[in-house]
């Protein structure tokens, strides 16, 4: 009797490994291309990446720009501080790795930007699809 129980347990384990229970597929979608804008920020989304403009900074988000089934995202990119006055030809880039995270619900995006190495918060923004945003560049 005990040997039969062990054998049926072993067969059950083999079947679970060979034929796992079907899991719910994770529905992933891409962020709509075009402009997304808000106060102090504008994002231009292309098919593979996005450019970001802030009042005194700019950035780039590496693609693909995907959203999970609840509209959440976490993308990697760069963040570059800018300064007022003319930009010199020999100015070096101060781009730092950044994490762009948040959620999209309909035509509204809540975006939080943090530096990847220090977790320093750059800001949290609300953007609307199709809006040019309101960016006030450094003078």
N, C-alpha and C. Protein backbone atom coordinates (compact mmCIF):
# COMPACT_ATOMS: atom_id res chain seq x y z
N UNK A 1 0.84 -1.19 0.00
CA UNK A 1 0.00 0.00 0.00
C UNK A 1 0.88 1.25 0.00
N UNK A 2 1.89 1.26 0.85
CA UNK A 2 2.77 2.40 0.95
C UNK A 2 3.56 2.62 -0.34
N UNK A 3 3.96 1.54 -0.97
CA UNK A 3 4.71 1.64 -2.21
C UNK A 3 3.81 2.21 -3.31
N UNK A 4 2.54 1.81 -3.34
CA UNK A 4 1.58 2.33 -4.32
C UNK A 4 1.37 3.83 -4.14
N UNK A 5 1.34 4.31 -2.87
CA UNK A 5 1.17 5.73 -2.57
C UNK A 5 2.39 6.51 -3.04
N UNK A 6 3.58 5.94 -2.80
CA UNK A 6 4.81 6.60 -3.26
C UNK A 6 4.84 6.70 -4.77
N UNK A 7 4.44 5.61 -5.44
CA UNK A 7 4.45 5.59 -6.89
C UNK A 7 3.46 6.60 -7.46
N UNK A 8 2.27 6.69 -6.89
CA UNK A 8 1.28 7.65 -7.41
C UNK A 8 1.72 9.09 -7.12
N UNK A 9 2.39 9.31 -6.00
CA UNK A 9 2.92 10.64 -5.71
C UNK A 9 3.99 11.03 -6.70
N UNK A 10 4.85 10.06 -7.01
CA UNK A 10 5.92 10.29 -7.98
C UNK A 10 5.35 10.57 -9.36
N UNK A 11 4.33 9.82 -9.77
CA UNK A 11 3.69 10.05 -11.07
C UNK A 11 3.04 11.43 -11.09
N UNK A 12 2.39 11.81 -10.01
CA UNK A 12 1.77 13.14 -9.93
C UNK A 12 2.80 14.25 -10.05
N UNK A 13 3.94 14.09 -9.38
CA UNK A 13 5.00 15.09 -9.44
C UNK A 13 5.55 15.21 -10.86
N UNK A 14 5.75 14.07 -11.51
CA UNK A 14 6.25 14.08 -12.89
C UNK A 14 5.26 14.80 -13.80
N UNK A 15 3.97 14.54 -13.62
CA UNK A 15 2.96 15.19 -14.45
C UNK A 15 2.92 16.70 -14.22
N UNK A 16 3.09 17.13 -12.97
CA UNK A 16 3.12 18.57 -12.68
C UNK A 16 4.30 19.26 -13.34
N UNK A 17 5.43 18.59 -13.35
CA UNK A 17 6.62 19.16 -13.97
C UNK A 17 6.47 19.17 -15.49
N UNK A 18 5.97 18.08 -16.05
CA UNK A 18 5.85 17.96 -17.51
C UNK A 18 4.72 18.83 -18.06
N UNK A 19 3.64 18.96 -17.31
CA UNK A 19 2.47 19.71 -17.77
C UNK A 19 2.03 20.69 -16.70
N UNK A 20 2.75 21.81 -16.54
CA UNK A 20 2.37 22.76 -15.49
C UNK A 20 0.99 23.36 -15.76
N UNK A 21 0.35 23.79 -14.71
CA UNK A 21 -0.95 24.43 -14.84
C UNK A 21 -0.82 25.67 -15.71
N UNK A 22 -1.79 25.88 -16.60
CA UNK A 22 -1.68 27.06 -17.46
C UNK A 22 -1.73 28.33 -16.62
N UNK A 23 -0.82 29.23 -16.90
CA UNK A 23 -0.81 30.49 -16.16
C UNK A 23 -1.47 31.56 -17.01
N UNK A 24 -1.99 32.56 -16.34
CA UNK A 24 -2.63 33.66 -17.04
C UNK A 24 -1.55 34.45 -17.77
N UNK A 25 -1.71 34.63 -19.08
CA UNK A 25 -0.69 35.37 -19.81
C UNK A 25 -0.67 36.84 -19.37
N UNK A 26 0.54 37.38 -19.30
CA UNK A 26 0.69 38.79 -18.93
C UNK A 26 0.49 39.62 -20.18
N UNK A 27 -0.54 40.43 -20.18
CA UNK A 27 -0.82 41.27 -21.34
C UNK A 27 0.07 42.50 -21.26
N UNK A 28 0.91 42.68 -22.27
CA UNK A 28 1.81 43.81 -22.33
C UNK A 28 1.42 44.64 -23.54
N UNK A 29 1.38 45.95 -23.37
CA UNK A 29 1.08 46.83 -24.50
C UNK A 29 2.10 47.95 -24.54
N UNK A 30 2.17 48.63 -25.65
CA UNK A 30 3.13 49.72 -25.82
C UNK A 30 2.45 51.06 -25.57
N UNK A 31 3.26 52.00 -25.10
CA UNK A 31 2.79 53.36 -24.91
C UNK A 31 2.51 53.99 -26.26
N UNK A 32 1.42 54.72 -26.38
CA UNK A 32 1.06 55.38 -27.63
C UNK A 32 2.13 56.39 -28.03
N UNK A 33 2.50 56.37 -29.30
CA UNK A 33 3.49 57.33 -29.80
C UNK A 33 2.86 58.72 -29.89
N UNK A 34 3.73 59.70 -29.96
CA UNK A 34 3.28 61.09 -30.04
C UNK A 34 3.70 61.86 -28.81
N UNK A 35 3.09 63.02 -28.63
CA UNK A 35 3.44 63.90 -27.51
C UNK A 35 2.61 63.60 -26.27
N UNK A 36 3.29 63.67 -25.14
CA UNK A 36 2.68 63.62 -23.82
C UNK A 36 3.24 64.83 -23.08
N UNK A 37 2.38 65.68 -22.53
CA UNK A 37 2.90 66.87 -21.88
C UNK A 37 2.17 67.22 -20.61
N UNK A 38 2.88 68.00 -19.79
CA UNK A 38 2.32 68.49 -18.54
C UNK A 38 3.11 69.70 -18.10
N UNK A 39 2.85 70.16 -16.90
CA UNK A 39 3.55 71.32 -16.36
C UNK A 39 5.00 70.95 -16.10
N UNK A 40 5.92 71.64 -16.76
CA UNK A 40 7.38 71.47 -16.62
C UNK A 40 7.94 70.23 -17.31
N UNK A 41 7.16 69.56 -18.16
CA UNK A 41 7.66 68.36 -18.81
C UNK A 41 6.95 68.11 -20.14
N UNK A 42 7.70 67.53 -21.08
CA UNK A 42 7.16 67.10 -22.36
C UNK A 42 7.91 65.84 -22.79
N UNK A 43 7.20 64.84 -23.25
CA UNK A 43 7.81 63.61 -23.75
C UNK A 43 7.33 63.40 -25.18
N UNK A 44 8.28 63.14 -26.07
CA UNK A 44 7.94 62.78 -27.43
C UNK A 44 8.27 61.30 -27.60
N UNK A 45 7.22 60.50 -27.74
CA UNK A 45 7.37 59.05 -27.81
C UNK A 45 7.46 58.61 -29.26
N UNK A 46 8.53 57.91 -29.58
CA UNK A 46 8.70 57.31 -30.89
C UNK A 46 8.44 55.82 -30.81
N UNK A 47 8.63 55.11 -31.91
CA UNK A 47 8.36 53.67 -31.90
C UNK A 47 9.33 52.85 -31.06
N UNK A 48 10.55 53.37 -30.80
CA UNK A 48 11.54 52.58 -30.05
C UNK A 48 12.10 53.28 -28.82
N UNK A 49 11.88 54.57 -28.69
CA UNK A 49 12.43 55.33 -27.56
C UNK A 49 11.64 56.62 -27.40
N UNK A 50 12.03 57.42 -26.43
CA UNK A 50 11.35 58.70 -26.20
C UNK A 50 12.36 59.74 -25.75
N UNK A 51 12.10 60.99 -26.10
CA UNK A 51 12.91 62.10 -25.61
C UNK A 51 12.08 62.87 -24.59
N UNK A 52 12.77 63.37 -23.58
CA UNK A 52 12.11 64.07 -22.48
C UNK A 52 12.71 65.47 -22.39
N UNK A 53 11.87 66.48 -22.23
CA UNK A 53 12.31 67.86 -22.01
C UNK A 53 11.71 68.35 -20.70
N UNK A 54 12.56 68.89 -19.85
CA UNK A 54 12.13 69.53 -18.61
C UNK A 54 12.53 70.99 -18.70
N UNK A 55 12.21 71.77 -17.66
CA UNK A 55 12.57 73.18 -17.64
C UNK A 55 14.08 73.36 -17.83
N UNK A 56 14.89 72.72 -17.05
CA UNK A 56 16.34 72.90 -17.10
C UNK A 56 17.07 71.57 -17.23
N UNK A 57 16.48 70.66 -17.99
CA UNK A 57 17.08 69.34 -18.17
C UNK A 57 16.45 68.67 -19.39
N UNK A 58 17.05 67.59 -19.80
CA UNK A 58 16.47 66.75 -20.84
C UNK A 58 16.89 65.31 -20.60
N UNK A 59 16.24 64.40 -21.27
CA UNK A 59 16.56 62.99 -21.08
C UNK A 59 16.16 62.16 -22.27
N UNK A 60 16.49 60.90 -22.17
CA UNK A 60 16.16 59.92 -23.20
C UNK A 60 15.71 58.66 -22.50
N UNK A 61 14.63 58.05 -23.00
CA UNK A 61 14.13 56.80 -22.44
C UNK A 61 14.37 55.72 -23.49
N UNK A 62 15.01 54.65 -23.06
CA UNK A 62 15.28 53.52 -23.95
C UNK A 62 14.02 52.66 -24.06
N UNK A 63 13.76 52.15 -25.24
CA UNK A 63 12.58 51.33 -25.47
C UNK A 63 12.88 49.86 -25.33
N UNK A 64 11.90 49.04 -25.50
CA UNK A 64 10.54 49.40 -25.87
C UNK A 64 9.78 49.97 -24.68
N UNK A 65 8.87 50.88 -24.96
CA UNK A 65 8.10 51.54 -23.90
C UNK A 65 6.81 50.75 -23.68
N UNK A 66 6.92 49.73 -22.85
CA UNK A 66 5.79 48.84 -22.61
C UNK A 66 5.10 49.15 -21.29
N UNK A 67 3.83 48.80 -21.25
CA UNK A 67 2.99 48.94 -20.06
C UNK A 67 2.47 47.57 -19.69
N UNK A 68 2.35 47.29 -18.39
CA UNK A 68 1.76 46.01 -18.01
C UNK A 68 0.24 46.10 -18.12
N UNK A 69 -0.45 45.03 -17.74
CA UNK A 69 -1.91 44.98 -17.91
C UNK A 69 -2.65 46.04 -17.09
N UNK A 70 -1.98 46.60 -16.08
CA UNK A 70 -2.61 47.66 -15.27
C UNK A 70 -2.12 49.05 -15.67
N UNK A 71 -1.31 49.13 -16.72
CA UNK A 71 -0.82 50.42 -17.19
C UNK A 71 0.45 50.90 -16.51
N UNK A 72 1.06 50.05 -15.67
CA UNK A 72 2.28 50.45 -14.97
C UNK A 72 3.50 50.27 -15.86
N UNK A 73 4.53 51.07 -15.57
CA UNK A 73 5.76 50.96 -16.33
C UNK A 73 6.97 51.28 -15.46
N UNK A 74 8.11 50.82 -15.94
CA UNK A 74 9.42 51.11 -15.33
C UNK A 74 10.44 51.02 -16.47
N UNK A 75 10.90 52.19 -16.91
CA UNK A 75 11.80 52.26 -18.05
C UNK A 75 13.14 52.81 -17.62
N UNK A 76 14.18 52.45 -18.34
CA UNK A 76 15.54 52.96 -18.10
C UNK A 76 15.87 54.01 -19.15
N UNK A 77 16.69 54.96 -18.75
CA UNK A 77 17.12 55.99 -19.68
C UNK A 77 18.20 56.85 -19.06
N UNK A 78 18.28 58.09 -19.53
CA UNK A 78 19.26 59.03 -19.00
C UNK A 78 18.58 60.34 -18.63
N UNK A 79 19.26 61.09 -17.77
CA UNK A 79 18.80 62.42 -17.34
C UNK A 79 20.01 63.34 -17.43
N UNK A 80 19.85 64.48 -18.09
CA UNK A 80 20.94 65.44 -18.28
C UNK A 80 20.52 66.81 -17.77
N UNK A 81 21.28 67.34 -16.83
CA UNK A 81 21.04 68.70 -16.36
C UNK A 81 21.49 69.70 -17.41
N UNK A 82 20.80 70.82 -17.48
CA UNK A 82 21.18 71.90 -18.39
C UNK A 82 21.50 73.13 -17.56
N UNK A 83 22.03 74.14 -18.22
CA UNK A 83 22.33 75.41 -17.54
C UNK A 83 21.91 76.56 -18.44
N UNK A 84 21.73 77.71 -17.83
CA UNK A 84 21.40 78.90 -18.60
C UNK A 84 22.58 79.37 -19.42
N UNK A 85 22.31 80.24 -20.37
CA UNK A 85 23.38 80.80 -21.19
C UNK A 85 23.70 79.94 -22.38
N UNK A 86 24.70 80.35 -23.13
CA UNK A 86 25.05 79.60 -24.34
C UNK A 86 25.66 78.24 -24.01
N UNK A 87 25.46 77.31 -24.93
CA UNK A 87 26.03 75.98 -24.80
C UNK A 87 27.30 75.95 -25.64
N UNK A 88 28.40 75.61 -24.99
CA UNK A 88 29.69 75.57 -25.69
C UNK A 88 29.80 74.30 -26.52
N UNK A 89 30.53 74.39 -27.61
CA UNK A 89 30.75 73.25 -28.48
C UNK A 89 31.45 72.12 -27.72
N UNK A 90 32.37 72.47 -26.83
CA UNK A 90 33.13 71.45 -26.11
C UNK A 90 32.50 71.05 -24.77
N UNK A 91 31.23 71.47 -24.52
CA UNK A 91 30.54 71.03 -23.30
C UNK A 91 30.42 69.51 -23.31
N UNK A 92 30.72 68.92 -22.17
CA UNK A 92 30.59 67.46 -22.07
C UNK A 92 29.20 67.12 -21.53
N UNK A 93 28.71 65.98 -21.92
CA UNK A 93 27.41 65.52 -21.46
C UNK A 93 27.50 65.15 -19.98
N UNK A 94 26.48 65.50 -19.23
CA UNK A 94 26.43 65.11 -17.83
C UNK A 94 25.33 64.08 -17.62
N UNK A 95 25.04 63.32 -18.67
CA UNK A 95 23.98 62.32 -18.60
C UNK A 95 24.23 61.30 -17.51
N UNK A 96 23.18 61.06 -16.74
CA UNK A 96 23.25 60.07 -15.67
C UNK A 96 22.12 59.06 -15.86
N UNK A 97 22.35 57.80 -15.53
CA UNK A 97 21.29 56.79 -15.66
C UNK A 97 20.08 57.17 -14.81
N UNK A 98 18.90 56.99 -15.38
CA UNK A 98 17.66 57.34 -14.69
C UNK A 98 16.63 56.25 -14.84
N UNK A 99 15.69 56.22 -13.89
CA UNK A 99 14.56 55.30 -13.93
C UNK A 99 13.31 56.15 -14.08
N UNK A 100 12.53 55.86 -15.10
CA UNK A 100 11.25 56.52 -15.36
C UNK A 100 10.16 55.51 -15.04
N UNK A 101 9.35 55.79 -14.02
CA UNK A 101 8.32 54.83 -13.62
C UNK A 101 7.00 55.53 -13.40
N UNK A 102 5.94 54.75 -13.40
CA UNK A 102 4.63 55.33 -13.15
C UNK A 102 3.51 54.48 -13.69
N UNK A 103 2.42 55.16 -14.07
CA UNK A 103 1.22 54.47 -14.54
C UNK A 103 0.52 55.33 -15.58
N UNK A 104 -0.09 54.65 -16.55
CA UNK A 104 -0.90 55.32 -17.57
C UNK A 104 -2.33 54.82 -17.42
N UNK A 105 -3.26 55.76 -17.31
CA UNK A 105 -4.69 55.44 -17.28
C UNK A 105 -5.36 56.30 -18.34
N UNK A 106 -5.80 55.65 -19.41
CA UNK A 106 -6.41 56.38 -20.51
C UNK A 106 -5.38 57.29 -21.16
N UNK A 107 -5.69 58.58 -21.19
CA UNK A 107 -4.78 59.57 -21.78
C UNK A 107 -3.98 60.33 -20.74
N UNK A 108 -3.90 59.82 -19.52
CA UNK A 108 -3.17 60.48 -18.44
C UNK A 108 -2.03 59.59 -17.95
N UNK A 109 -0.86 60.19 -17.79
CA UNK A 109 0.31 59.48 -17.29
C UNK A 109 0.79 60.16 -16.02
N UNK A 110 1.05 59.36 -15.00
CA UNK A 110 1.72 59.83 -13.78
C UNK A 110 3.14 59.30 -13.87
N UNK A 111 4.13 60.20 -13.91
CA UNK A 111 5.52 59.84 -14.14
C UNK A 111 6.39 60.29 -12.98
N UNK A 112 7.23 59.38 -12.49
CA UNK A 112 8.23 59.71 -11.48
C UNK A 112 9.60 59.42 -12.08
N UNK A 113 10.51 60.38 -11.92
CA UNK A 113 11.87 60.23 -12.45
C UNK A 113 12.84 60.23 -11.27
N UNK A 114 13.74 59.23 -11.25
CA UNK A 114 14.76 59.10 -10.22
C UNK A 114 16.09 58.78 -10.87
N UNK A 115 17.16 59.27 -10.26
CA UNK A 115 18.49 58.87 -10.72
C UNK A 115 18.72 57.43 -10.29
N UNK A 116 19.22 56.61 -11.20
CA UNK A 116 19.36 55.18 -10.93
C UNK A 116 20.43 54.88 -9.89
N UNK A 117 21.53 55.62 -9.89
CA UNK A 117 22.63 55.29 -9.00
C UNK A 117 22.41 55.75 -7.57
N UNK A 118 21.69 56.85 -7.37
CA UNK A 118 21.51 57.39 -6.02
C UNK A 118 20.07 57.31 -5.52
N UNK A 119 19.12 56.97 -6.41
CA UNK A 119 17.69 56.96 -6.11
C UNK A 119 17.16 58.37 -5.79
N UNK A 120 17.95 59.40 -6.14
CA UNK A 120 17.52 60.79 -5.93
C UNK A 120 16.32 61.09 -6.81
N UNK A 121 15.27 61.67 -6.20
CA UNK A 121 14.06 62.01 -6.94
C UNK A 121 14.30 63.28 -7.76
N UNK A 122 14.01 63.20 -9.05
CA UNK A 122 14.04 64.37 -9.93
C UNK A 122 12.70 65.07 -9.88
N UNK A 123 11.63 64.29 -9.88
CA UNK A 123 10.30 64.86 -9.80
C UNK A 123 9.22 63.88 -10.17
N UNK A 124 7.98 64.27 -9.86
CA UNK A 124 6.80 63.52 -10.25
C UNK A 124 5.92 64.46 -11.06
N UNK A 125 5.44 63.97 -12.20
CA UNK A 125 4.72 64.80 -13.15
C UNK A 125 3.45 64.11 -13.59
N UNK A 126 2.46 64.90 -13.97
CA UNK A 126 1.23 64.40 -14.59
C UNK A 126 1.21 64.90 -16.02
N UNK A 127 1.11 63.98 -16.97
CA UNK A 127 1.14 64.31 -18.39
C UNK A 127 -0.16 63.85 -19.06
N UNK A 128 -0.51 64.53 -20.15
CA UNK A 128 -1.69 64.19 -20.92
C UNK A 128 -1.28 63.90 -22.35
N UNK A 129 -1.82 62.83 -22.89
CA UNK A 129 -1.53 62.45 -24.27
C UNK A 129 -2.04 63.53 -25.22
N UNK A 130 -1.18 63.91 -26.18
CA UNK A 130 -1.54 64.92 -27.17
C UNK A 130 -1.24 66.34 -26.74
N UNK A 131 -0.84 66.54 -25.49
CA UNK A 131 -0.52 67.88 -24.99
C UNK A 131 0.94 68.22 -25.26
N UNK A 132 1.21 69.48 -25.66
CA UNK A 132 2.61 69.88 -25.87
C UNK A 132 3.36 70.13 -24.57
N UNK A 133 2.63 70.21 -23.45
CA UNK A 133 3.27 70.50 -22.17
C UNK A 133 3.64 71.95 -22.03
N UNK A 134 4.11 72.32 -20.86
CA UNK A 134 4.56 73.68 -20.58
C UNK A 134 5.97 73.59 -19.99
N UNK A 135 6.96 73.79 -20.86
CA UNK A 135 8.36 73.70 -20.43
C UNK A 135 8.95 75.09 -20.53
N UNK A 136 9.63 75.52 -19.46
CA UNK A 136 10.26 76.84 -19.39
C UNK A 136 11.77 76.63 -19.31
N UNK A 137 12.45 76.71 -20.44
CA UNK A 137 13.88 76.41 -20.50
C UNK A 137 14.70 77.43 -19.71
N UNK A 138 15.85 76.99 -19.19
CA UNK A 138 16.75 77.85 -18.43
C UNK A 138 17.24 78.98 -19.32
N UNK A 139 17.41 80.13 -18.76
CA UNK A 139 17.92 81.28 -19.53
C UNK A 139 19.32 81.61 -19.10
